[in-house]
């Protein structure tokens, strides 16, 4: 179409203003909304969500068997007791979140089907301007806010990560990613190959194995698995004693956190012993006659990548039954009938499921600008993994790798609410994290030390992430037990915060 007759760009008819704008209505966004109502009464806010309803990852992922990889006593909010089995289905988690929204009157604050394309900060006006559109009508929308709270998560919801293998167009079956599971996918009586062995594969395979002719888990390298009952004995005992659920939630939560911290520390101090324990758990389900090398013995120490929890050993039971099997090999190419491996073996497949991870997406595909200059997020240094040098009035929720995401979402919420109240008390309209004079010679390092934690999605997207320093306040420490005390003690008058 010639430029002379191009239609004028549609612009929002009005601009709505709020004290705080929350991006996302998943576990972090709903938690942020709750904490604002309780800790910052009178603060006007809105939560904008691109999907049709709340839930975030629990709406995006709809593959069979979708469930939590963390226990709900710690993945649940600290303020709402969890009363079910520790590993919960997506439906159970959504019901729990819905109760939080209903019980606290949060629904009027959430706008669904709202996507954002740009976010620009103006120092002249001391506010953010966010522009986007409604997905149902195409209507443009514009909002302004004094403070921006990024709760959109860290991966792209629209599509998962699938590597490009030679021969993919030749395959006569279907190739699907769990993040975009087709509603019409019929796997009954079919040979299914699931590529990957992380939490998604470990969840999906036992959910479909009984209906398939056979399911093969194809992995390039093994994953560490931890097995156990989908129950908490302490919680059951306390309920028999008719202890109040609020008490049970807190007691069990502390017990789980303590045990997780001890286990994580042991993975560093006595990795060989931890390896033997994990392998013994696997062998207990597969039997002494099953050769667990090379399929269940990773080359890396436990917790260098996330450990997948297998409730009641269901994945291993599917393998033991013969309905599922494991192949450890690399892909040479995709063929019309399946997958040719580098060993020369051919895996027959009617359906290939690529449980191969996701795309890191640090700012929700939103174009950011500060006073007209495009923001290069990777050029910033993080303040405790939640604020960033040179970015005013913005916080970002990034949870824990080795513990439940929501633990940190609650801690960040406490900090943000305290910061907002502090700014109000001192009459500040703007706060920007800045490196202090004592930080001028501090080494600037990648977001996370690859020797400490190195899953594929982080390694592929490290160049997109902010930098860290070598001091606790300039990094995401991954240590809940330390951060729960340090966050509460943050001096808001520290020179790391520049107020105007």
Protein backbone atom coordinates (compact mmCIF):
# COMPACT_ATOMS: atom_id res chain seq x y z
CA UNK A 1 0.00 0.00 0.00
CA UNK A 2 1.47 3.42 -0.93
CA UNK A 3 2.50 5.57 2.02
CA UNK A 4 0.10 8.31 0.89
CA UNK A 5 -2.92 6.15 1.61
CA UNK A 6 -1.58 4.24 4.66
CA UNK A 7 -4.13 4.49 7.47
CA UNK A 8 -3.06 6.53 10.47
CA UNK A 9 -1.77 4.44 13.37
CA UNK A 10 -4.49 3.73 15.88
CA UNK A 11 -3.94 5.35 19.24
CA UNK A 12 -5.71 4.91 22.52
CA UNK A 13 -8.63 7.26 23.00
CA UNK A 14 -7.77 7.80 26.64
CA UNK A 15 -4.95 7.24 29.10
CA UNK A 16 -5.59 5.61 32.47
CA UNK A 17 -3.27 6.46 35.34
CA UNK A 18 -2.35 4.35 38.37
CA UNK A 19 0.14 4.54 41.18
CA UNK A 20 1.41 1.04 40.35
CA UNK A 21 1.08 -1.03 37.19
CA UNK A 22 1.64 -4.78 37.52
CA UNK A 23 2.56 -6.71 34.37
CA UNK A 24 1.15 -10.23 34.55
CA UNK A 25 -1.50 -12.06 36.57
CA UNK A 26 0.35 -15.29 37.23
CA UNK A 27 1.56 -16.43 40.63
CA UNK A 28 3.76 -13.30 41.01
CA UNK A 29 1.24 -10.76 39.74
CA UNK A 30 -1.63 -12.02 41.89
CA UNK A 31 0.70 -12.04 44.89
CA UNK A 32 1.82 -8.48 44.13
CA UNK A 33 -1.81 -7.32 43.96
CA UNK A 34 -2.57 -8.96 47.32
CA UNK A 35 0.42 -7.38 49.05
CA UNK A 36 -0.39 -3.92 47.68
CA UNK A 37 -3.90 -4.10 49.15
CA UNK A 38 -2.56 -5.18 52.55
CA UNK A 39 0.69 -3.22 52.86
CA UNK A 40 -0.04 -0.09 50.79
CA UNK A 41 -3.73 0.67 51.39
CA UNK A 42 -5.06 3.44 49.22
CA UNK A 43 -2.58 2.76 46.42
CA UNK A 44 -4.25 2.67 43.01
CA UNK A 45 -3.07 -0.19 40.82
CA UNK A 46 -3.91 -2.38 37.86
CA UNK A 47 -2.58 -5.77 36.75
CA UNK A 48 -2.46 -6.31 32.99
CA UNK A 49 -2.56 -9.89 31.71
CA UNK A 50 -2.22 -10.97 28.07
CA UNK A 51 -4.10 -14.25 28.51
CA UNK A 52 -7.84 -14.74 28.95
CA UNK A 53 -7.60 -15.38 32.67
CA UNK A 54 -5.21 -15.49 35.62
CA UNK A 55 -2.69 -18.25 36.17
CA UNK A 56 0.34 -17.53 34.00
CA UNK A 57 2.27 -20.75 33.44
CA UNK A 58 -0.67 -22.83 34.68
CA UNK A 59 -2.80 -21.54 31.80
CA UNK A 60 -0.04 -21.54 29.18
CA UNK A 61 0.81 -25.21 29.73
CA UNK A 62 -2.06 -27.59 29.04
CA UNK A 63 -0.30 -30.85 28.29
CA UNK A 64 -1.53 -34.03 29.99
CA UNK A 65 -0.55 -34.38 33.62
CA UNK A 66 0.60 -30.76 34.09
CA UNK A 67 1.53 -30.32 37.75
CA UNK A 68 3.82 -28.37 40.02
CA UNK A 69 7.48 -29.29 40.29
CA UNK A 70 7.66 -27.65 43.73
CA UNK A 71 5.60 -28.44 46.80
CA UNK A 72 2.61 -26.16 47.33
CA UNK A 73 3.51 -25.43 50.94
CA UNK A 74 6.35 -23.31 49.57
CA UNK A 75 5.06 -22.62 46.06
CA UNK A 76 1.81 -21.46 47.61
CA UNK A 77 1.67 -18.01 49.15
CA UNK A 78 2.82 -17.63 52.72
CA UNK A 79 -0.49 -15.91 53.57
CA UNK A 80 -2.85 -18.64 52.30
CA UNK A 81 -2.59 -22.17 53.73
CA UNK A 82 -2.31 -25.08 51.33
CA UNK A 83 -4.40 -28.08 52.36
CA UNK A 84 -3.93 -30.59 49.54
CA UNK A 85 -1.19 -32.94 48.37
CA UNK A 86 2.17 -31.15 48.12
CA UNK A 87 2.56 -31.74 44.37
CA UNK A 88 -0.56 -30.29 42.79
CA UNK A 89 -2.20 -30.31 39.39
CA UNK A 90 -2.61 -27.14 37.36
CA UNK A 91 -6.36 -27.20 38.07
CA UNK A 92 -5.73 -27.31 41.82
CA UNK A 93 -3.26 -24.44 41.63
CA UNK A 94 -5.67 -22.34 39.56
CA UNK A 95 -8.44 -23.01 42.07
CA UNK A 96 -6.12 -21.89 44.88
CA UNK A 97 -5.19 -18.69 43.03
CA UNK A 98 -8.84 -18.02 42.26
CA UNK A 99 -9.62 -18.17 45.96
CA UNK A 100 -6.90 -15.58 46.65
CA UNK A 101 -8.45 -13.28 44.05
CA UNK A 102 -12.02 -13.77 45.29
CA UNK A 103 -11.25 -13.63 49.01
CA UNK A 104 -9.32 -10.38 48.69
CA UNK A 105 -11.38 -8.53 46.09
CA UNK A 106 -8.59 -8.47 43.51
CA UNK A 107 -10.70 -9.15 40.40
CA UNK A 108 -11.59 -5.47 39.72
CA UNK A 109 -7.87 -4.68 39.56
CA UNK A 110 -7.03 -7.23 36.83
CA UNK A 111 -7.47 -6.58 33.10
CA UNK A 112 -7.26 -9.64 30.87
CA UNK A 113 -6.44 -9.82 27.14
CA UNK A 114 -4.13 -6.81 27.40
CA UNK A 115 -0.75 -7.00 25.67
CA UNK A 116 1.92 -4.35 26.06
CA UNK A 117 4.30 -3.33 23.29
CA UNK A 118 6.20 -0.42 24.82
CA UNK A 119 7.12 1.07 28.16
CA UNK A 120 8.80 4.45 28.33
CA UNK A 121 9.97 6.39 31.37
CA UNK A 122 9.87 10.19 31.46
CA UNK A 123 12.01 11.93 34.07
CA UNK A 124 10.20 15.15 33.31
CA UNK A 125 6.90 13.64 34.37
CA UNK A 126 8.32 10.97 36.71
CA UNK A 127 6.08 8.29 35.30
CA UNK A 128 5.94 5.32 32.98
CA UNK A 129 3.80 5.32 29.85
CA UNK A 130 2.79 1.88 28.60
CA UNK A 131 1.12 1.22 25.29
CA UNK A 132 -0.41 -1.92 23.90
CA UNK A 133 -3.64 -3.41 22.67
CA UNK A 134 -6.55 -5.61 23.64
CA UNK A 135 -6.23 -9.06 22.09
CA UNK A 136 -9.99 -9.50 21.75
CA UNK A 137 -10.87 -6.24 19.99
CA UNK A 138 -7.53 -4.91 18.72
CA UNK A 139 -8.32 -1.68 20.55
CA UNK A 140 -5.15 0.26 21.47
CA UNK A 141 -4.63 0.99 25.16
CA UNK A 142 -2.40 3.38 27.05
CA UNK A 143 -1.60 3.55 30.75
CA UNK A 144 0.63 5.71 32.87
CA UNK A 145 2.00 4.70 36.26
CA UNK A 146 4.33 6.01 38.90
CA UNK A 147 5.83 2.57 39.51
CA UNK A 148 6.16 -0.50 37.28
CA UNK A 149 6.13 -4.00 38.77
CA UNK A 150 7.22 -6.65 36.27
CA UNK A 151 5.58 -9.97 37.20
CA UNK A 152 5.47 -11.49 33.73
CA UNK A 153 7.90 -14.32 34.44
CA UNK A 154 11.01 -15.10 32.45
CA UNK A 155 10.00 -17.14 29.41
CA UNK A 156 8.02 -16.49 26.24
CA UNK A 157 4.47 -17.81 26.67
CA UNK A 158 3.62 -17.80 22.96
CA UNK A 159 6.00 -20.60 21.96
CA UNK A 160 8.46 -23.04 23.47
CA UNK A 161 12.02 -23.75 22.41
CA UNK A 162 12.41 -26.45 19.76
CA UNK A 163 15.84 -26.99 18.17
CA UNK A 164 16.08 -27.28 14.39
CA UNK A 165 17.01 -30.80 13.35
CA UNK A 166 17.69 -31.91 9.77
CA UNK A 167 14.76 -33.65 8.14
CA UNK A 168 11.96 -32.18 10.26
CA UNK A 169 9.79 -31.36 7.19
CA UNK A 170 10.01 -35.02 6.12
CA UNK A 171 8.33 -36.38 9.24
CA UNK A 172 4.88 -37.78 8.41
CA UNK A 173 3.58 -37.60 11.97
CA UNK A 174 3.12 -34.60 14.25
CA UNK A 175 5.81 -32.64 16.09
CA UNK A 176 4.46 -30.77 19.12
CA UNK A 177 5.92 -28.77 21.97
CA UNK A 178 4.27 -29.23 25.39
CA UNK A 179 3.85 -25.46 25.70
CA UNK A 180 1.58 -25.50 22.63
CA UNK A 181 -0.18 -28.82 23.20
CA UNK A 182 -2.90 -29.29 20.53
CA UNK A 183 -6.35 -30.05 21.89
CA UNK A 184 -6.97 -32.50 19.05
CA UNK A 185 -3.79 -34.54 19.54
CA UNK A 186 -4.74 -38.21 19.58
CA UNK A 187 -1.93 -40.30 21.04
CA UNK A 188 -3.98 -43.42 21.82
CA UNK A 189 -2.25 -46.50 20.45
CA UNK A 190 0.56 -44.41 18.97
CA UNK A 191 4.33 -44.60 19.30
CA UNK A 192 5.42 -41.37 20.97
CA UNK A 193 8.98 -40.09 21.38
CA UNK A 194 9.43 -37.39 24.00
CA UNK A 195 12.69 -35.51 23.48
CA UNK A 196 14.01 -34.30 26.83
CA UNK A 197 14.15 -35.62 30.38
CA UNK A 198 13.44 -32.63 32.61
CA UNK A 199 10.38 -31.92 34.73
CA UNK A 200 8.06 -31.56 31.72
CA UNK A 201 9.01 -34.93 30.23
CA UNK A 202 8.87 -36.55 33.66
CA UNK A 203 5.34 -35.23 34.13
CA UNK A 204 4.01 -35.90 30.63
CA UNK A 205 5.24 -39.45 30.09
CA UNK A 206 3.44 -41.16 33.01
CA UNK A 207 0.27 -39.22 32.14
CA UNK A 208 0.08 -40.63 28.59
CA UNK A 209 1.97 -43.94 28.80
CA UNK A 210 -1.07 -46.11 29.57
CA UNK A 211 -2.88 -44.91 26.44
CA UNK A 212 0.04 -45.03 24.00
CA UNK A 213 1.43 -48.08 22.25
CA UNK A 214 4.78 -47.03 23.70
CA UNK A 215 6.52 -43.87 24.90
CA UNK A 216 10.25 -43.37 24.52
CA UNK A 217 12.06 -40.70 26.50
CA UNK A 218 14.97 -39.64 24.31
CA UNK A 219 17.64 -37.74 26.18
CA UNK A 220 21.02 -36.40 25.17
CA UNK A 221 22.15 -36.59 28.79
CA UNK A 222 20.44 -37.79 31.99
CA UNK A 223 18.62 -35.69 34.60
CA UNK A 224 18.86 -36.10 38.35
CA UNK A 225 15.56 -37.30 39.80
CA UNK A 226 14.38 -37.22 43.37
CA UNK A 227 11.62 -39.60 44.37
CA UNK A 228 9.16 -39.58 47.24
CA UNK A 229 5.54 -39.85 48.28
CA UNK A 230 3.17 -37.11 47.23
CA UNK A 231 2.37 -36.48 50.86
CA UNK A 232 3.87 -34.73 53.88
CA UNK A 233 3.81 -36.98 56.91
CA UNK A 234 4.16 -34.06 59.32
CA UNK A 235 1.15 -32.28 57.76
CA UNK A 236 -0.96 -35.43 58.02
CA UNK A 237 -0.02 -35.88 61.69
CA UNK A 238 -0.81 -32.27 62.54
CA UNK A 239 -4.21 -32.58 60.86
CA UNK A 240 -4.96 -35.69 62.91
CA UNK A 241 -4.27 -33.51 65.95
CA UNK A 242 -6.73 -30.93 64.56
CA UNK A 243 -4.11 -28.20 64.47
CA UNK A 244 -5.26 -25.02 62.73
CA UNK A 245 -4.43 -25.05 58.99
CA UNK A 246 -2.64 -21.70 59.29
CA UNK A 247 -0.26 -23.24 61.82
CA UNK A 248 0.15 -26.39 59.73
CA UNK A 249 1.02 -24.32 56.66
CA UNK A 250 3.72 -22.38 58.50
CA UNK A 251 5.19 -25.36 60.37
CA UNK A 252 5.32 -27.60 57.31
CA UNK A 253 6.62 -24.74 55.18
CA UNK A 254 9.51 -24.19 57.60
CA UNK A 255 10.25 -27.90 57.78
CA UNK A 256 10.38 -28.22 53.98
CA UNK A 257 12.55 -25.12 53.64
CA UNK A 258 14.95 -26.42 56.28
CA UNK A 259 15.22 -29.83 54.63
CA UNK A 260 15.71 -28.27 51.18
CA UNK A 261 18.47 -25.99 52.47
CA UNK A 262 20.26 -28.92 54.08
CA UNK A 263 19.96 -31.03 50.93
CA UNK A 264 21.19 -28.19 48.69
CA UNK A 265 24.19 -27.58 50.95
CA UNK A 266 25.00 -31.29 50.92
CA UNK A 267 24.96 -31.27 47.11
CA UNK A 268 27.97 -28.93 47.34
CA UNK A 269 29.78 -30.41 50.35
CA UNK A 270 29.22 -34.13 49.73
CA UNK A 271 28.05 -34.50 46.13
CA UNK A 272 29.10 -38.13 45.78
CA UNK A 273 27.00 -39.18 48.74
CA UNK A 274 24.00 -37.24 47.42
CA UNK A 275 24.45 -38.89 44.01
CA UNK A 276 24.34 -42.34 45.61
CA UNK A 277 21.18 -41.45 47.52
CA UNK A 278 19.41 -40.16 44.40
CA UNK A 279 20.40 -43.20 42.38
CA UNK A 280 19.21 -45.49 45.18
CA UNK A 281 15.81 -43.81 44.96
CA UNK A 282 15.64 -44.48 41.22
CA UNK A 283 16.82 -48.06 41.64
CA UNK A 284 14.16 -48.64 44.28
CA UNK A 285 11.47 -48.21 41.61
CA UNK A 286 13.23 -49.73 38.62
CA UNK A 287 14.57 -52.76 40.46
CA UNK A 288 18.07 -54.06 41.01
CA UNK A 289 18.13 -55.73 37.57
CA UNK A 290 17.71 -52.42 35.69
CA UNK A 291 20.97 -50.89 34.51
CA UNK A 292 20.72 -47.26 35.52
CA UNK A 293 23.89 -46.35 33.61
CA UNK A 294 23.85 -44.43 31.34
CA UNK A 295 20.19 -43.39 31.55
CA UNK A 296 19.99 -42.08 35.12
CA UNK A 297 23.54 -41.06 35.99
CA UNK A 298 24.27 -37.44 34.97
CA UNK A 299 27.86 -36.30 34.60
CA UNK A 300 27.26 -33.11 36.61
CA UNK A 301 26.78 -32.82 40.36
CA UNK A 302 23.23 -32.57 41.74
CA UNK A 303 21.69 -29.09 41.64
CA UNK A 304 23.97 -27.75 38.93
CA UNK A 305 20.72 -28.05 37.02
CA UNK A 306 17.26 -28.34 38.52
CA UNK A 307 16.41 -31.71 40.06
CA UNK A 308 13.07 -33.10 38.90
CA UNK A 309 10.87 -34.49 41.66
CA UNK A 310 9.01 -37.69 40.73
CA UNK A 311 5.99 -38.04 43.06
CA UNK A 312 5.35 -41.68 43.92
CA UNK A 313 7.93 -42.59 41.27
CA UNK A 314 5.28 -42.46 38.54
CA UNK A 315 7.72 -41.95 35.66
CA UNK A 316 9.87 -44.82 36.89
CA UNK A 317 6.83 -47.03 37.36
CA UNK A 318 5.88 -46.41 33.72
CA UNK A 319 9.37 -47.47 32.66
CA UNK A 320 9.31 -50.53 34.92
CA UNK A 321 5.96 -51.58 33.43
CA UNK A 322 7.39 -51.55 29.91
CA UNK A 323 4.96 -48.87 28.67
CA UNK A 324 7.84 -46.38 28.57
CA UNK A 325 11.55 -46.65 27.98
CA UNK A 326 14.64 -44.44 27.99
CA UNK A 327 17.16 -43.93 25.20
CA UNK A 328 20.31 -41.90 25.78
CA UNK A 329 21.70 -40.77 22.45
CA UNK A 330 21.93 -37.79 20.10
CA UNK A 331 19.76 -36.99 17.10
CA UNK A 332 21.31 -37.35 13.65
CA UNK A 333 18.17 -36.34 11.79
CA UNK A 334 14.40 -36.63 11.69
CA UNK A 335 13.09 -39.12 9.11
CA UNK A 336 9.67 -39.70 7.62
CA UNK A 337 9.04 -42.49 10.14
CA UNK A 338 10.81 -41.21 13.26
CA UNK A 339 14.26 -40.25 14.53
CA UNK A 340 17.63 -41.51 13.32
CA UNK A 341 20.16 -41.40 16.16
CA UNK A 342 23.89 -40.86 15.87
CA UNK A 343 24.39 -44.44 17.06
CA UNK A 344 22.58 -45.57 13.90
CA UNK A 345 19.46 -46.67 15.75
CA UNK A 346 16.07 -45.62 14.38
CA UNK A 347 13.24 -44.71 16.75
CA UNK A 348 9.84 -45.25 15.16
CA UNK A 349 7.43 -42.45 16.00
CA UNK A 350 3.92 -41.37 15.13
CA UNK A 351 4.26 -38.30 17.37
CA UNK A 352 7.40 -36.42 18.47
CA UNK A 353 7.09 -34.25 21.56
CA UNK A 354 9.87 -31.69 22.00
CA UNK A 355 10.13 -31.19 25.77
CA UNK A 356 13.23 -29.15 25.08
CA UNK A 357 12.67 -26.04 27.16
CA UNK A 358 11.62 -22.49 26.45
CA UNK A 359 12.81 -19.11 25.25
CA UNK A 360 14.12 -16.78 27.92
CA UNK A 361 12.13 -13.56 27.69
CA UNK A 362 13.29 -11.12 30.31
CA UNK A 363 11.03 -8.12 29.71
CA UNK A 364 7.96 -9.69 28.15
CA UNK A 365 8.72 -8.63 24.55
CA UNK A 366 8.09 -5.04 25.62
CA UNK A 367 10.28 -2.32 24.13
CA UNK A 368 11.65 -0.23 26.99
CA UNK A 369 13.01 3.29 26.80
CA UNK A 370 14.36 5.64 29.45
CA UNK A 371 13.93 9.32 28.56
CA UNK A 372 13.75 8.45 24.89
CA UNK A 373 16.79 6.16 24.85
CA UNK A 374 16.15 2.45 24.18
CA UNK A 375 16.95 0.33 27.21
CA UNK A 376 19.61 -2.34 26.84
CA UNK A 377 18.73 -4.50 29.81
CA UNK A 378 22.00 -6.44 29.63
CA UNK A 379 23.95 -3.22 30.25
CA UNK A 380 22.44 -2.80 33.72
CA UNK A 381 23.59 -4.29 37.03
CA UNK A 382 20.99 -5.89 39.21
CA UNK A 383 20.21 -4.79 42.75
CA UNK A 384 19.47 -8.09 44.52
CA UNK A 385 17.90 -9.54 41.38
CA UNK A 386 14.86 -7.25 41.53
CA UNK A 387 15.89 -3.68 40.58
CA UNK A 388 18.44 -2.47 38.04
CA UNK A 389 20.91 0.38 37.74
CA UNK A 390 19.64 3.26 35.66
CA UNK A 391 16.02 2.04 35.57
CA UNK A 392 13.80 4.23 37.77
CA UNK A 393 10.72 3.08 39.65
CA UNK A 394 10.74 -0.51 38.44
CA UNK A 395 10.96 -3.90 40.15
CA UNK A 396 11.12 -7.36 38.55
CA UNK A 397 10.20 -10.69 40.11
CA UNK A 398 12.65 -13.49 39.38
CA UNK A 399 12.24 -16.46 41.69
CA UNK A 400 14.61 -19.13 42.93
CA UNK A 401 16.22 -21.88 40.89
CA UNK A 402 16.55 -24.38 43.75
CA UNK A 403 13.45 -23.47 45.72
CA UNK A 404 9.90 -22.37 44.98
CA UNK A 405 9.38 -19.28 42.83
CA UNK A 406 6.73 -17.86 45.15
CA UNK A 407 9.08 -17.66 48.13
CA UNK A 408 10.93 -14.88 46.39
CA UNK A 409 7.79 -13.31 44.94
CA UNK A 410 6.60 -12.75 48.52
CA UNK A 411 9.98 -11.30 49.57
CA UNK A 412 10.12 -8.94 46.59
CA UNK A 413 6.55 -7.84 47.35
CA UNK A 414 7.50 -6.95 50.92
CA UNK A 415 10.43 -4.91 49.65
CA UNK A 416 8.46 -3.09 46.95
CA UNK A 417 5.68 -2.19 49.37
CA UNK A 418 8.18 -0.93 51.93
CA UNK A 419 9.95 1.08 49.23
CA UNK A 420 6.69 2.65 48.03
CA UNK A 421 5.75 3.61 51.57
CA UNK A 422 9.24 5.04 52.16
CA UNK A 423 9.06 7.15 49.01
CA UNK A 424 5.70 8.49 50.11
CA UNK A 425 7.06 9.31 53.56
CA UNK A 426 10.06 11.28 52.24
CA UNK A 427 8.17 12.88 49.36
CA UNK A 428 10.24 11.19 46.62
CA UNK A 429 8.72 10.66 43.19
CA UNK A 430 11.61 8.69 41.74
CA UNK A 431 14.10 6.06 42.91
CA UNK A 432 16.89 4.66 40.80
CA UNK A 433 19.45 2.03 41.83
CA UNK A 434 23.01 3.30 41.32
CA UNK A 435 26.43 1.86 41.93
CA UNK A 436 27.97 3.54 44.97
CA UNK A 437 31.47 5.01 45.14
CA UNK A 438 32.63 1.89 46.98
CA UNK A 439 31.37 -0.22 44.07
CA UNK A 440 33.40 1.50 41.33
CA UNK A 441 36.06 -1.24 41.15
CA UNK A 442 33.63 -4.11 41.69
CA UNK A 443 33.93 -6.92 39.11
CA UNK A 444 30.93 -7.03 36.78
CA UNK A 445 29.91 -10.62 36.10
CA UNK A 446 27.20 -12.61 34.27
CA UNK A 447 23.75 -12.90 35.91
CA UNK A 448 24.57 -16.35 37.27
CA UNK A 449 27.80 -18.31 37.64
CA UNK A 450 27.58 -21.19 35.11
CA UNK A 451 29.62 -23.34 37.47
CA UNK A 452 26.87 -22.89 40.04
CA UNK A 453 23.78 -23.36 37.85
CA UNK A 454 23.65 -23.86 34.10
CA UNK A 455 20.34 -25.02 32.56
CA UNK A 456 20.07 -24.67 28.81
CA UNK A 457 17.55 -21.81 28.78
CA UNK A 458 19.87 -19.67 30.89
CA UNK A 459 22.95 -20.48 28.86
CA UNK A 460 21.10 -19.66 25.62
CA UNK A 461 19.78 -16.37 26.98
CA UNK A 462 22.53 -15.16 29.32
CA UNK A 463 23.37 -12.31 26.92
CA UNK A 464 19.87 -10.88 27.50
CA UNK A 465 20.16 -10.70 31.26
CA UNK A 466 21.54 -7.92 33.47
CA UNK A 467 24.94 -8.26 35.07
CA UNK A 468 25.78 -8.92 38.71
CA UNK A 469 28.55 -7.75 41.00
CA UNK A 470 30.53 -9.73 43.55
CA UNK A 471 28.69 -8.23 46.54
CA UNK A 472 25.41 -9.68 47.89
CA UNK A 473 23.44 -6.50 47.19
CA UNK A 474 24.40 -6.60 43.52
CA UNK A 475 23.38 -10.17 42.73
CA UNK A 476 20.56 -12.70 42.87
CA UNK A 477 21.99 -14.94 45.59
CA UNK A 478 19.55 -17.87 45.23
CA UNK A 479 19.59 -18.24 49.00
CA UNK A 480 16.13 -17.90 50.57
CA UNK A 481 17.38 -18.39 54.12
CA UNK A 482 19.74 -15.44 53.75
CA UNK A 483 17.45 -13.23 51.68
CA UNK A 484 14.44 -13.53 53.99
CA UNK A 485 16.47 -11.74 56.67
CA UNK A 486 18.54 -9.48 54.42
CA UNK A 487 15.54 -8.16 52.45
CA UNK A 488 13.74 -7.17 55.64
CA UNK A 489 16.87 -5.32 56.81
CA UNK A 490 17.59 -3.42 53.57
CA UNK A 491 18.43 0.19 54.42
CA UNK A 492 16.27 2.22 52.05
CA UNK A 493 18.50 5.24 52.68
CA UNK A 494 21.56 3.38 51.41
CA UNK A 495 23.45 5.21 48.66
CA UNK A 496 22.47 2.41 46.28
CA UNK A 497 19.08 4.17 46.06
CA UNK A 498 19.04 7.61 44.44
CA UNK A 499 15.85 9.52 45.21
CA UNK A 500 14.46 12.58 43.48
